[in-house]
Amino acid sequence: MSAAADTACPAIQAGLTAEAILALLAPLGGAKDPADRWGLTVIVPREQLRAAMQLLRDGETTRFDLCLDVAGIDYLGYPDWRGPRFAVSYPLKSTVFRHRVTIKVQVDEDDASVPSLHDVWSSCDWAERETWDQYGIVFAGHPNLKRLLNHHEFVGHPLRKDYPCQKRQKLSVNDPMVDQLQAKLRALGYEILEQPAVTPGMPLTQKEIAK
């Protein structure tokens, strides 16, 4: 055997069938989403979301080590829809096995909140911020749930189906984002020795001064 063969990455192993993954999630209330006709989407109750995700990530036969996205869904106006207005979809992939699954959680409009998974997969941190920013779905327990794509003065959530698509919202003052910078430095192991003076930044627009 050559030295190159000794250091080669191990081959991807055969994964579980869709039926086997469904059987693992059934005790947690998981059920196949009939709307997914091409892949495997499993709807789980909100209160079982973290338990289901940790099972899929850590299980010896599952090893879903990648959360590819956190996607919001607004069913407002969807033909013949009678369920909750919103859902959050999590496509998962295993780099160890040949299997994928999408987990979906449905939430009502008046209680649009799901547990944060930022500590289960680090990729969920910014993905949850994006989904909250665009859909207004709260991720309970997120350490810094602030706008990511829209500016800090933005009002509303533009990917909701009832948001007026022609509405424009101007930014008047820059966001210094000092809190986000400090959080990143602490995550990298740095200690903040001095708190800087935070200013709101320069106004981007101003009225013309009458002469």
N, C-alpha and C. Protein backbone atom coordinates (compact mmCIF):
# COMPACT_ATOMS: atom_id res chain seq x y z
N MET A 1 0.86 -1.20 0.00
CA MET A 1 0.00 0.00 0.00
C MET A 1 0.88 1.24 0.00
N SER A 2 0.59 2.20 -0.86
CA SER A 2 1.40 3.40 -0.96
C SER A 2 1.12 4.36 0.18
N ALA A 3 2.06 5.31 0.37
CA ALA A 3 1.86 6.32 1.41
C ALA A 3 0.66 7.19 1.10
N ALA A 4 0.43 7.43 -0.20
CA ALA A 4 -0.72 8.24 -0.59
C ALA A 4 -2.02 7.57 -0.20
N ALA A 5 -2.06 6.24 -0.33
CA ALA A 5 -3.28 5.52 0.05
C ALA A 5 -3.51 5.58 1.55
N ASP A 6 -2.41 5.61 2.34
CA ASP A 6 -2.56 5.66 3.79
C ASP A 6 -3.18 6.97 4.25
N THR A 7 -2.89 8.07 3.53
CA THR A 7 -3.37 9.38 3.94
C THR A 7 -4.64 9.80 3.23
N ALA A 8 -5.16 8.97 2.33
CA ALA A 8 -6.37 9.32 1.59
C ALA A 8 -7.57 9.39 2.53
N CYS A 9 -8.51 10.25 2.16
CA CYS A 9 -9.74 10.37 2.97
C CYS A 9 -10.53 9.06 2.89
N PRO A 10 -11.15 8.66 3.98
CA PRO A 10 -11.95 7.43 3.95
C PRO A 10 -13.14 7.57 3.01
N ALA A 11 -13.52 6.50 2.39
CA ALA A 11 -14.64 6.52 1.46
C ALA A 11 -15.94 6.81 2.21
N ILE A 12 -16.85 7.52 1.54
CA ILE A 12 -18.15 7.79 2.13
C ILE A 12 -18.92 6.48 2.26
N GLN A 13 -19.47 6.23 3.42
CA GLN A 13 -20.17 4.98 3.67
C GLN A 13 -21.62 5.05 3.22
N ALA A 14 -22.20 3.90 3.02
CA ALA A 14 -23.62 3.85 2.67
C ALA A 14 -24.46 4.38 3.82
N GLY A 15 -25.46 5.19 3.49
CA GLY A 15 -26.27 5.81 4.52
C GLY A 15 -27.56 5.05 4.80
N LEU A 16 -28.36 5.64 5.69
CA LEU A 16 -29.63 5.05 6.04
C LEU A 16 -30.67 5.32 4.96
N THR A 17 -31.64 4.46 4.86
CA THR A 17 -32.76 4.69 3.96
C THR A 17 -33.68 5.74 4.57
N ALA A 18 -34.56 6.28 3.73
CA ALA A 18 -35.54 7.25 4.22
C ALA A 18 -36.41 6.64 5.31
N GLU A 19 -36.78 5.37 5.13
CA GLU A 19 -37.62 4.70 6.12
C GLU A 19 -36.91 4.58 7.47
N ALA A 20 -35.59 4.31 7.44
CA ALA A 20 -34.83 4.18 8.68
C ALA A 20 -34.72 5.52 9.40
N ILE A 21 -34.52 6.62 8.65
CA ILE A 21 -34.44 7.94 9.26
C ILE A 21 -35.78 8.33 9.86
N LEU A 22 -36.86 8.03 9.15
CA LEU A 22 -38.21 8.29 9.68
C LEU A 22 -38.45 7.51 10.97
N ALA A 23 -37.99 6.27 11.02
CA ALA A 23 -38.18 5.44 12.21
C ALA A 23 -37.43 6.02 13.41
N LEU A 24 -36.25 6.62 13.17
CA LEU A 24 -35.49 7.24 14.25
C LEU A 24 -36.21 8.47 14.82
N LEU A 25 -36.88 9.22 13.94
CA LEU A 25 -37.51 10.47 14.36
C LEU A 25 -38.95 10.28 14.82
N ALA A 26 -39.55 9.14 14.54
CA ALA A 26 -40.94 8.91 14.92
C ALA A 26 -41.18 9.04 16.42
N PRO A 27 -40.30 8.52 17.30
CA PRO A 27 -40.54 8.69 18.74
C PRO A 27 -40.53 10.15 19.20
N LEU A 28 -39.95 11.04 18.39
CA LEU A 28 -39.93 12.46 18.71
C LEU A 28 -41.06 13.21 17.99
N GLY A 29 -41.98 12.49 17.42
CA GLY A 29 -43.10 13.10 16.73
C GLY A 29 -42.85 13.43 15.28
N GLY A 30 -41.76 12.93 14.71
CA GLY A 30 -41.44 13.22 13.32
C GLY A 30 -42.37 12.50 12.36
N ALA A 31 -42.77 13.19 11.30
CA ALA A 31 -43.64 12.61 10.28
C ALA A 31 -43.23 13.14 8.91
N LYS A 32 -43.32 12.29 7.91
CA LYS A 32 -42.91 12.69 6.56
C LYS A 32 -43.81 13.79 6.03
N ASP A 33 -43.20 14.78 5.40
CA ASP A 33 -43.94 15.87 4.78
C ASP A 33 -44.42 15.40 3.40
N PRO A 34 -45.72 15.26 3.21
CA PRO A 34 -46.22 14.76 1.92
C PRO A 34 -45.98 15.73 0.77
N ALA A 35 -45.68 17.00 1.09
CA ALA A 35 -45.44 17.98 0.03
C ALA A 35 -44.11 17.76 -0.67
N ASP A 36 -43.19 17.03 -0.03
CA ASP A 36 -41.88 16.76 -0.64
C ASP A 36 -41.98 15.46 -1.43
N ARG A 37 -42.07 15.58 -2.75
CA ARG A 37 -42.24 14.41 -3.61
C ARG A 37 -40.93 13.90 -4.18
N TRP A 38 -39.81 14.60 -3.92
CA TRP A 38 -38.54 14.22 -4.54
C TRP A 38 -37.49 13.82 -3.51
N GLY A 39 -37.60 14.28 -2.30
CA GLY A 39 -36.61 13.96 -1.28
C GLY A 39 -37.29 13.55 0.01
N LEU A 40 -36.58 13.68 1.12
CA LEU A 40 -37.13 13.34 2.42
C LEU A 40 -37.16 14.58 3.29
N THR A 41 -38.34 15.07 3.57
CA THR A 41 -38.55 16.16 4.52
C THR A 41 -39.39 15.62 5.67
N VAL A 42 -38.92 15.85 6.89
CA VAL A 42 -39.60 15.35 8.08
C VAL A 42 -40.05 16.55 8.92
N ILE A 43 -41.33 16.60 9.22
CA ILE A 43 -41.88 17.64 10.09
C ILE A 43 -41.79 17.16 11.53
N VAL A 44 -41.16 17.98 12.38
CA VAL A 44 -41.05 17.63 13.80
C VAL A 44 -41.71 18.73 14.63
N PRO A 45 -42.25 18.39 15.79
CA PRO A 45 -42.83 19.42 16.67
C PRO A 45 -41.74 20.38 17.15
N ARG A 46 -42.12 21.61 17.34
CA ARG A 46 -41.16 22.62 17.77
C ARG A 46 -40.46 22.24 19.07
N GLU A 47 -41.20 21.69 20.02
CA GLU A 47 -40.61 21.36 21.31
C GLU A 47 -39.63 20.20 21.23
N GLN A 48 -39.62 19.48 20.13
CA GLN A 48 -38.69 18.36 19.96
C GLN A 48 -37.57 18.69 18.97
N LEU A 49 -37.50 19.93 18.52
CA LEU A 49 -36.54 20.28 17.48
C LEU A 49 -35.10 20.02 17.91
N ARG A 50 -34.71 20.54 19.06
CA ARG A 50 -33.31 20.39 19.48
C ARG A 50 -32.96 18.92 19.72
N ALA A 51 -33.87 18.18 20.33
CA ALA A 51 -33.59 16.77 20.57
C ALA A 51 -33.43 16.02 19.25
N ALA A 52 -34.28 16.33 18.27
CA ALA A 52 -34.18 15.67 16.98
C ALA A 52 -32.88 16.03 16.28
N MET A 53 -32.49 17.30 16.33
CA MET A 53 -31.27 17.72 15.65
C MET A 53 -30.02 17.14 16.30
N GLN A 54 -30.00 17.08 17.61
CA GLN A 54 -28.85 16.50 18.29
C GLN A 54 -28.74 15.00 18.03
N LEU A 55 -29.89 14.33 17.92
CA LEU A 55 -29.89 12.91 17.56
C LEU A 55 -29.33 12.71 16.17
N LEU A 56 -29.74 13.55 15.22
CA LEU A 56 -29.26 13.41 13.85
C LEU A 56 -27.78 13.76 13.72
N ARG A 57 -27.33 14.73 14.49
CA ARG A 57 -25.92 15.11 14.41
C ARG A 57 -25.00 14.07 15.06
N ASP A 58 -25.40 13.56 16.22
CA ASP A 58 -24.50 12.76 17.04
C ASP A 58 -24.68 11.25 16.88
N GLY A 59 -25.79 10.81 16.29
CA GLY A 59 -26.04 9.37 16.19
C GLY A 59 -24.97 8.66 15.36
N GLU A 60 -24.58 7.49 15.81
CA GLU A 60 -23.52 6.74 15.13
C GLU A 60 -23.90 6.36 13.70
N THR A 61 -25.19 6.20 13.45
CA THR A 61 -25.64 5.80 12.12
C THR A 61 -26.18 6.98 11.30
N THR A 62 -26.18 8.17 11.88
CA THR A 62 -26.71 9.34 11.18
C THR A 62 -25.61 10.34 10.83
N ARG A 63 -24.95 10.89 11.83
CA ARG A 63 -23.79 11.78 11.65
C ARG A 63 -24.07 12.90 10.66
N PHE A 64 -25.19 13.59 10.82
CA PHE A 64 -25.47 14.76 9.98
C PHE A 64 -24.64 15.93 10.50
N ASP A 65 -23.45 16.07 9.94
CA ASP A 65 -22.50 17.06 10.46
C ASP A 65 -22.61 18.41 9.78
N LEU A 66 -23.46 18.54 8.78
CA LEU A 66 -23.63 19.82 8.08
C LEU A 66 -25.09 20.25 8.09
N CYS A 67 -25.33 21.47 8.56
CA CYS A 67 -26.62 22.12 8.35
C CYS A 67 -26.42 23.12 7.23
N LEU A 68 -27.00 22.85 6.08
CA LEU A 68 -26.70 23.61 4.88
C LEU A 68 -27.38 24.97 4.84
N ASP A 69 -28.50 25.11 5.55
CA ASP A 69 -29.22 26.38 5.48
C ASP A 69 -30.29 26.41 6.57
N VAL A 70 -30.80 27.60 6.84
CA VAL A 70 -31.98 27.79 7.68
C VAL A 70 -32.91 28.67 6.85
N ALA A 71 -33.98 28.10 6.34
CA ALA A 71 -34.83 28.79 5.37
C ALA A 71 -36.23 29.00 5.94
N GLY A 72 -36.71 30.22 5.87
CA GLY A 72 -38.08 30.52 6.27
C GLY A 72 -39.05 30.24 5.14
N ILE A 73 -40.28 29.94 5.50
CA ILE A 73 -41.36 29.71 4.54
C ILE A 73 -42.59 30.45 5.03
N ASP A 74 -43.22 31.20 4.14
CA ASP A 74 -44.47 31.88 4.45
C ASP A 74 -45.55 31.30 3.55
N TYR A 75 -46.52 30.62 4.16
CA TYR A 75 -47.58 29.96 3.40
C TYR A 75 -48.78 30.87 3.11
N LEU A 76 -48.67 32.14 3.43
CA LEU A 76 -49.78 33.05 3.17
C LEU A 76 -50.11 33.05 1.68
N GLY A 77 -51.36 32.76 1.35
CA GLY A 77 -51.78 32.71 -0.04
C GLY A 77 -51.50 31.40 -0.75
N TYR A 78 -50.90 30.44 -0.05
CA TYR A 78 -50.61 29.14 -0.66
C TYR A 78 -51.94 28.41 -0.91
N PRO A 79 -52.13 27.84 -2.09
CA PRO A 79 -53.43 27.23 -2.42
C PRO A 79 -53.85 26.15 -1.44
N ASP A 80 -55.05 26.30 -0.90
CA ASP A 80 -55.68 25.30 -0.03
C ASP A 80 -54.90 25.02 1.25
N TRP A 81 -54.04 25.95 1.66
CA TRP A 81 -53.25 25.73 2.87
C TRP A 81 -54.10 26.01 4.11
N ARG A 82 -54.08 25.08 5.07
CA ARG A 82 -54.86 25.23 6.31
C ARG A 82 -53.98 25.12 7.56
N GLY A 83 -52.68 24.97 7.38
CA GLY A 83 -51.79 24.82 8.51
C GLY A 83 -51.27 26.15 9.03
N PRO A 84 -50.28 26.12 9.92
CA PRO A 84 -49.67 27.35 10.42
C PRO A 84 -49.09 28.18 9.28
N ARG A 85 -49.03 29.49 9.49
CA ARG A 85 -48.59 30.36 8.41
C ARG A 85 -47.11 30.17 8.06
N PHE A 86 -46.27 29.96 9.07
CA PHE A 86 -44.83 29.93 8.82
C PHE A 86 -44.24 28.55 9.07
N ALA A 87 -43.07 28.33 8.48
CA ALA A 87 -42.27 27.13 8.75
C ALA A 87 -40.81 27.51 8.61
N VAL A 88 -39.97 26.72 9.28
CA VAL A 88 -38.52 26.86 9.13
C VAL A 88 -37.99 25.51 8.64
N SER A 89 -37.17 25.56 7.61
CA SER A 89 -36.66 24.35 6.97
C SER A 89 -35.15 24.27 7.15
N TYR A 90 -34.67 23.07 7.54
CA TYR A 90 -33.24 22.86 7.78
C TYR A 90 -32.75 21.69 6.92
N PRO A 91 -32.13 21.92 5.77
CA PRO A 91 -31.55 20.82 4.99
C PRO A 91 -30.24 20.36 5.62
N LEU A 92 -30.13 19.07 5.91
CA LEU A 92 -28.96 18.49 6.57
C LEU A 92 -28.27 17.51 5.64
N LYS A 93 -26.95 17.40 5.82
CA LYS A 93 -26.16 16.47 5.01
C LYS A 93 -25.11 15.81 5.89
N SER A 94 -24.84 14.56 5.61
CA SER A 94 -23.76 13.85 6.29
C SER A 94 -22.59 13.68 5.33
N THR A 95 -21.41 14.10 5.76
CA THR A 95 -20.21 13.87 4.95
C THR A 95 -19.61 12.49 5.22
N VAL A 96 -20.19 11.77 6.18
CA VAL A 96 -19.71 10.43 6.51
C VAL A 96 -20.51 9.37 5.76
N PHE A 97 -21.84 9.61 5.67
CA PHE A 97 -22.73 8.65 5.02
C PHE A 97 -23.36 9.28 3.78
N ARG A 98 -23.92 8.45 2.95
CA ARG A 98 -24.60 8.93 1.75
C ARG A 98 -26.07 9.18 2.03
N HIS A 99 -26.38 10.12 2.89
CA HIS A 99 -27.79 10.44 3.11
C HIS A 99 -27.97 11.92 3.44
N ARG A 100 -29.16 12.39 3.14
CA ARG A 100 -29.59 13.77 3.42
C ARG A 100 -31.01 13.71 3.97
N VAL A 101 -31.37 14.77 4.68
CA VAL A 101 -32.73 14.91 5.17
C VAL A 101 -32.99 16.40 5.40
N THR A 102 -34.23 16.80 5.24
CA THR A 102 -34.64 18.17 5.56
C THR A 102 -35.62 18.10 6.72
N ILE A 103 -35.32 18.86 7.77
CA ILE A 103 -36.21 18.95 8.94
C ILE A 103 -37.01 20.24 8.84
N LYS A 104 -38.31 20.12 9.08
CA LYS A 104 -39.18 21.29 8.99
C LYS A 104 -39.96 21.44 10.29
N VAL A 105 -40.07 22.69 10.75
CA VAL A 105 -40.86 23.03 11.94
C VAL A 105 -41.89 24.07 11.53
N GLN A 106 -43.14 23.83 11.86
CA GLN A 106 -44.21 24.77 11.53
C GLN A 106 -44.56 25.61 12.76
N VAL A 107 -44.78 26.92 12.54
CA VAL A 107 -45.09 27.82 13.66
C VAL A 107 -46.22 28.76 13.26
N ASP A 108 -47.06 29.09 14.23
CA ASP A 108 -48.18 29.99 14.00
C ASP A 108 -47.70 31.44 13.93
N GLU A 109 -48.48 32.27 13.27
CA GLU A 109 -48.12 33.67 13.09
C GLU A 109 -48.03 34.40 14.43
N ASP A 110 -48.92 34.08 15.37
CA ASP A 110 -48.92 34.79 16.65
C ASP A 110 -47.91 34.23 17.64
N ASP A 111 -47.18 33.21 17.26
CA ASP A 111 -46.13 32.65 18.12
C ASP A 111 -45.00 32.13 17.24
N ALA A 112 -44.49 33.02 16.39
CA ALA A 112 -43.47 32.64 15.40
C ALA A 112 -42.10 32.60 16.06
N SER A 113 -41.83 31.52 16.78
CA SER A 113 -40.57 31.37 17.49
C SER A 113 -40.16 29.91 17.50
N VAL A 114 -38.86 29.66 17.29
CA VAL A 114 -38.31 28.31 17.37
C VAL A 114 -37.00 28.38 18.16
N PRO A 115 -36.55 27.27 18.76
CA PRO A 115 -35.29 27.29 19.48
C PRO A 115 -34.11 27.50 18.54
N SER A 116 -33.13 28.27 18.99
CA SER A 116 -31.92 28.48 18.20
C SER A 116 -31.07 27.21 18.20
N LEU A 117 -30.41 26.98 17.07
CA LEU A 117 -29.50 25.84 16.93
C LEU A 117 -28.06 26.30 16.71
N HIS A 118 -27.76 27.54 17.09
CA HIS A 118 -26.42 28.08 16.84
C HIS A 118 -25.33 27.28 17.55
N ASP A 119 -25.71 26.62 18.66
CA ASP A 119 -24.73 25.83 19.41
C ASP A 119 -24.70 24.37 18.96
N VAL A 120 -25.58 24.00 18.04
CA VAL A 120 -25.57 22.65 17.48
C VAL A 120 -24.72 22.64 16.21
N TRP A 121 -24.98 23.60 15.32
CA TRP A 121 -24.15 23.82 14.14
C TRP A 121 -23.82 25.31 14.10
N SER A 122 -22.57 25.65 14.02
CA SER A 122 -22.18 27.06 14.01
C SER A 122 -22.71 27.78 12.78
N SER A 123 -22.97 27.05 11.70
CA SER A 123 -23.50 27.68 10.49
C SER A 123 -24.89 28.27 10.71
N CYS A 124 -25.58 27.83 11.76
CA CYS A 124 -26.93 28.34 12.03
C CYS A 124 -26.91 29.76 12.58
N ASP A 125 -25.78 30.22 13.07
CA ASP A 125 -25.71 31.54 13.70
C ASP A 125 -26.19 32.62 12.74
N TRP A 126 -25.48 32.82 11.67
CA TRP A 126 -25.87 33.86 10.72
C TRP A 126 -27.10 33.47 9.91
N ALA A 127 -27.30 32.19 9.66
CA ALA A 127 -28.47 31.77 8.89
C ALA A 127 -29.76 32.08 9.65
N GLU A 128 -29.74 31.92 10.98
CA GLU A 128 -30.91 32.26 11.78
C GLU A 128 -31.14 33.78 11.79
N ARG A 129 -30.07 34.53 11.84
CA ARG A 129 -30.21 36.00 11.78
C ARG A 129 -30.84 36.42 10.46
N GLU A 130 -30.43 35.80 9.37
CA GLU A 130 -30.99 36.12 8.06
C GLU A 130 -32.49 35.79 8.01
N THR A 131 -32.86 34.64 8.54
CA THR A 131 -34.27 34.24 8.51
C THR A 131 -35.12 35.14 9.39
N TRP A 132 -34.60 35.50 10.57
CA TRP A 132 -35.35 36.45 11.40
C TRP A 132 -35.50 37.79 10.70
N ASP A 133 -34.41 38.27 10.11
CA ASP A 133 -34.42 39.55 9.42
C ASP A 133 -35.47 39.57 8.30
N GLN A 134 -35.55 38.49 7.53
CA GLN A 134 -36.42 38.48 6.35
C GLN A 134 -37.86 38.06 6.66
N TYR A 135 -38.05 37.20 7.66
CA TYR A 135 -39.38 36.66 7.93
C TYR A 135 -39.95 37.04 9.30
N GLY A 136 -39.12 37.51 10.20
CA GLY A 136 -39.62 37.85 11.54
C GLY A 136 -39.82 36.64 12.44
N ILE A 137 -39.24 35.50 12.10
CA ILE A 137 -39.32 34.31 12.96
C ILE A 137 -38.20 34.40 13.99
N VAL A 138 -38.55 34.37 15.26
CA VAL A 138 -37.58 34.54 16.34
C VAL A 138 -36.91 33.21 16.65
N PHE A 139 -35.61 33.24 16.86
CA PHE A 139 -34.85 32.05 17.24
C PHE A 139 -34.43 32.21 18.70
N ALA A 140 -35.24 31.62 19.57
CA ALA A 140 -35.07 31.80 21.00
C ALA A 140 -33.73 31.24 21.46
N GLY A 141 -32.97 32.05 22.20
CA GLY A 141 -31.68 31.63 22.69
C GLY A 141 -30.51 32.05 21.81
N HIS A 142 -30.79 32.68 20.68
CA HIS A 142 -29.70 33.15 19.83
C HIS A 142 -28.95 34.27 20.55
N PRO A 143 -27.61 34.27 20.51
CA PRO A 143 -26.85 35.24 21.29
C PRO A 143 -26.86 36.66 20.73
N ASN A 144 -27.20 36.83 19.47
CA ASN A 144 -27.12 38.18 18.88
C ASN A 144 -28.06 38.27 17.69
N LEU A 145 -29.35 38.21 17.96
CA LEU A 145 -30.35 38.17 16.89
C LEU A 145 -30.59 39.59 16.38
N LYS A 146 -29.72 40.02 15.48
CA LYS A 146 -29.83 41.35 14.89
C LYS A 146 -29.93 41.21 13.38
N ARG A 147 -30.36 42.28 12.73
CA ARG A 147 -30.51 42.27 11.28
C ARG A 147 -29.17 41.98 10.61
N LEU A 148 -29.26 41.27 9.49
CA LEU A 148 -28.06 40.86 8.78
C LEU A 148 -28.04 41.37 7.35
N LEU A 149 -29.18 41.30 6.66
CA LEU A 149 -29.24 41.73 5.27
C LEU A 149 -29.85 43.12 5.12
N ASN A 150 -30.79 43.46 5.99
CA ASN A 150 -31.40 44.79 5.96
C ASN A 150 -30.75 45.68 7.01
N HIS A 151 -30.80 46.97 6.78
CA HIS A 151 -30.12 47.89 7.70
C HIS A 151 -30.85 48.00 9.04
N HIS A 152 -30.17 48.52 10.03
CA HIS A 152 -30.66 48.47 11.41
C HIS A 152 -31.88 49.35 11.65
N GLU A 153 -32.22 50.24 10.74
CA GLU A 153 -33.42 51.08 10.88
C GLU A 153 -34.62 50.49 10.13
N PHE A 154 -34.42 49.37 9.48
CA PHE A 154 -35.48 48.76 8.67
C PHE A 154 -36.64 48.33 9.57
N VAL A 155 -37.84 48.57 9.10
CA VAL A 155 -39.06 48.19 9.84
C VAL A 155 -39.80 47.12 9.03
N GLY A 156 -40.09 45.99 9.68
CA GLY A 156 -40.81 44.92 9.00
C GLY A 156 -39.87 43.84 8.50
N HIS A 157 -40.44 42.89 7.74
CA HIS A 157 -39.68 41.74 7.26
C HIS A 157 -40.04 41.51 5.80
N PRO A 158 -39.14 41.80 4.88
CA PRO A 158 -39.50 41.94 3.46
C PRO A 158 -39.87 40.66 2.73
N LEU A 159 -39.56 39.47 3.26
CA LEU A 159 -39.95 38.25 2.56
C LEU A 159 -41.28 37.69 3.05
N ARG A 160 -41.93 38.39 3.97
CA ARG A 160 -43.32 38.03 4.29
C ARG A 160 -44.21 38.38 3.10
N LYS A 161 -45.16 37.52 2.82
CA LYS A 161 -45.98 37.70 1.62
C LYS A 161 -46.83 38.97 1.66
N ASP A 162 -47.08 39.50 2.86
CA ASP A 162 -47.91 40.70 2.94
C ASP A 162 -47.07 41.98 3.05
N TYR A 163 -45.75 41.88 2.89
CA TYR A 163 -44.92 43.08 2.90
C TYR A 163 -45.07 43.78 1.55
N PRO A 164 -45.31 45.09 1.53
CA PRO A 164 -45.46 45.81 0.25
C PRO A 164 -44.14 45.83 -0.51
N CYS A 165 -44.09 45.14 -1.63
CA CYS A 165 -42.82 44.91 -2.33
C CYS A 165 -42.23 46.19 -2.91
N GLN A 166 -43.04 47.23 -3.10
CA GLN A 166 -42.52 48.48 -3.65
C GLN A 166 -42.08 49.46 -2.56
N LYS A 167 -42.24 49.07 -1.31
CA LYS A 167 -41.89 49.98 -0.21
C LYS A 167 -40.38 50.13 -0.11
N ARG A 168 -39.92 51.36 0.04
CA ARG A 168 -38.50 51.64 0.20
C ARG A 168 -38.25 52.24 1.58
N GLN A 169 -37.14 51.82 2.18
CA GLN A 169 -36.80 52.34 3.49
C GLN A 169 -35.35 52.81 3.47
N LYS A 170 -35.17 54.10 3.69
CA LYS A 170 -33.84 54.68 3.63
C LYS A 170 -33.13 54.55 4.98
N LEU A 171 -31.83 54.43 4.91
CA LEU A 171 -30.99 54.43 6.11
C LEU A 171 -30.46 55.83 6.32
N SER A 172 -30.63 56.36 7.55
CA SER A 172 -30.20 57.72 7.82
C SER A 172 -28.89 57.78 8.58
N VAL A 173 -28.63 56.79 9.47
CA VAL A 173 -27.43 56.82 10.30
C VAL A 173 -26.77 55.45 10.27
N ASN A 174 -25.46 55.41 10.10
CA ASN A 174 -24.73 54.15 10.07
C ASN A 174 -24.82 53.41 11.40
N ASP A 175 -24.74 52.09 11.33
CA ASP A 175 -24.66 51.25 12.52
C ASP A 175 -23.18 50.98 12.81
N PRO A 176 -22.64 51.39 13.98
CA PRO A 176 -21.22 51.15 14.26
C PRO A 176 -20.86 49.69 14.46
N MET A 177 -21.82 48.85 14.82
CA MET A 177 -21.64 47.39 14.97
C MET A 177 -20.52 47.02 15.95
N VAL A 178 -20.30 47.87 16.96
CA VAL A 178 -19.25 47.59 17.94
C VAL A 178 -19.55 46.32 18.72
N ASP A 179 -20.82 46.09 19.06
CA ASP A 179 -21.17 44.90 19.84
C ASP A 179 -20.84 43.62 19.08
N GLN A 180 -21.08 43.63 17.76
CA GLN A 180 -20.77 42.44 16.97
C GLN A 180 -19.26 42.22 16.85
N LEU A 181 -18.50 43.32 16.74
CA LEU A 181 -17.05 43.20 16.67
C LEU A 181 -16.50 42.63 17.98
N GLN A 182 -17.01 43.12 19.10
CA GLN A 182 -16.53 42.62 20.39
C GLN A 182 -16.89 41.15 20.59
N ALA A 183 -18.09 40.76 20.18
CA ALA A 183 -18.48 39.35 20.31
C ALA A 183 -17.56 38.47 19.48
N LYS A 184 -17.19 38.92 18.29
CA LYS A 184 -16.30 38.13 17.44
C LYS A 184 -14.91 38.02 18.07
N LEU A 185 -14.41 39.11 18.63
CA LEU A 185 -13.10 39.08 19.27
C LEU A 185 -13.09 38.13 20.47
N ARG A 186 -14.15 38.15 21.26
CA ARG A 186 -14.22 37.23 22.41
C ARG A 186 -14.27 35.78 21.95
N ALA A 187 -15.01 35.54 20.86
CA ALA A 187 -15.10 34.18 20.34
C ALA A 187 -13.74 33.67 19.86
N LEU A 188 -12.87 34.59 19.46
CA LEU A 188 -11.53 34.22 19.00
C LEU A 188 -10.52 34.16 20.14
N GLY A 189 -10.97 34.41 21.37
CA GLY A 189 -10.09 34.30 22.53
C GLY A 189 -9.49 35.59 23.02
N TYR A 190 -9.90 36.73 22.44
CA TYR A 190 -9.36 38.00 22.88
C TYR A 190 -10.14 38.53 24.09
N GLU A 191 -9.47 39.33 24.89
CA GLU A 191 -10.10 39.98 26.03
C GLU A 191 -10.24 41.47 25.73
N ILE A 192 -11.43 42.00 25.96
CA ILE A 192 -11.68 43.42 25.72
C ILE A 192 -11.17 44.19 26.94
N LEU A 193 -10.12 44.96 26.78
CA LEU A 193 -9.50 45.67 27.91
C LEU A 193 -10.11 47.04 28.13
N GLU A 194 -10.66 47.61 27.11
CA GLU A 194 -11.19 48.96 27.23
C GLU A 194 -12.44 49.09 26.37
N GLN A 195 -13.48 49.66 26.94
CA GLN A 195 -14.72 49.86 26.18
C GLN A 195 -14.62 51.15 25.38
N PRO A 196 -14.73 51.07 24.07
CA PRO A 196 -14.62 52.29 23.26
C PRO A 196 -15.87 53.14 23.39
N ALA A 197 -15.72 54.39 23.10
CA ALA A 197 -16.87 55.29 23.05
C ALA A 197 -17.63 55.02 21.77
N VAL A 198 -18.90 54.66 21.90
CA VAL A 198 -19.71 54.30 20.74
C VAL A 198 -20.44 55.53 20.24
N THR A 199 -20.24 55.85 18.98
CA THR A 199 -20.97 56.95 18.35
C THR A 199 -21.85 56.38 17.26
N PRO A 200 -22.95 57.03 16.96
CA PRO A 200 -23.88 56.47 15.98
C PRO A 200 -23.40 56.53 14.55
N GLY A 201 -22.26 57.16 14.30
CA GLY A 201 -21.78 57.25 12.92
C GLY A 201 -22.25 58.53 12.24
N MET A 202 -21.79 58.72 11.05
CA MET A 202 -22.13 59.93 10.30
C MET A 202 -23.49 59.78 9.64
N PRO A 203 -24.32 60.81 9.71
CA PRO A 203 -25.58 60.76 8.96
C PRO A 203 -25.32 60.61 7.47
N LEU A 204 -26.12 59.79 6.82
CA LEU A 204 -25.96 59.57 5.39
C LEU A 204 -26.76 60.58 4.57
N THR A 205 -27.74 61.22 5.20
CA THR A 205 -28.54 62.24 4.52
C THR A 205 -28.73 63.40 5.47
N GLN A 206 -28.93 64.55 4.90
CA GLN A 206 -29.24 65.72 5.73
C GLN A 206 -30.00 66.73 4.89
N LYS A 207 -30.80 67.52 5.57
CA LYS A 207 -31.56 68.56 4.86
C LYS A 207 -30.63 69.72 4.52
N GLU A 208 -30.91 70.32 3.42
CA GLU A 208 -30.11 71.46 3.02
C GLU A 208 -30.36 72.64 3.95
N ILE A 209 -29.31 73.23 4.41
CA ILE A 209 -29.44 74.34 5.37
C ILE A 209 -29.83 75.60 4.59
N ALA A 210 -30.89 76.21 5.08
CA ALA A 210 -31.38 77.42 4.41
C ALA A 210 -30.39 78.55 4.62
N LYS A 211 -30.10 79.27 3.56
CA LYS A 211 -29.16 80.39 3.66
C LYS A 211 -29.89 81.68 3.96
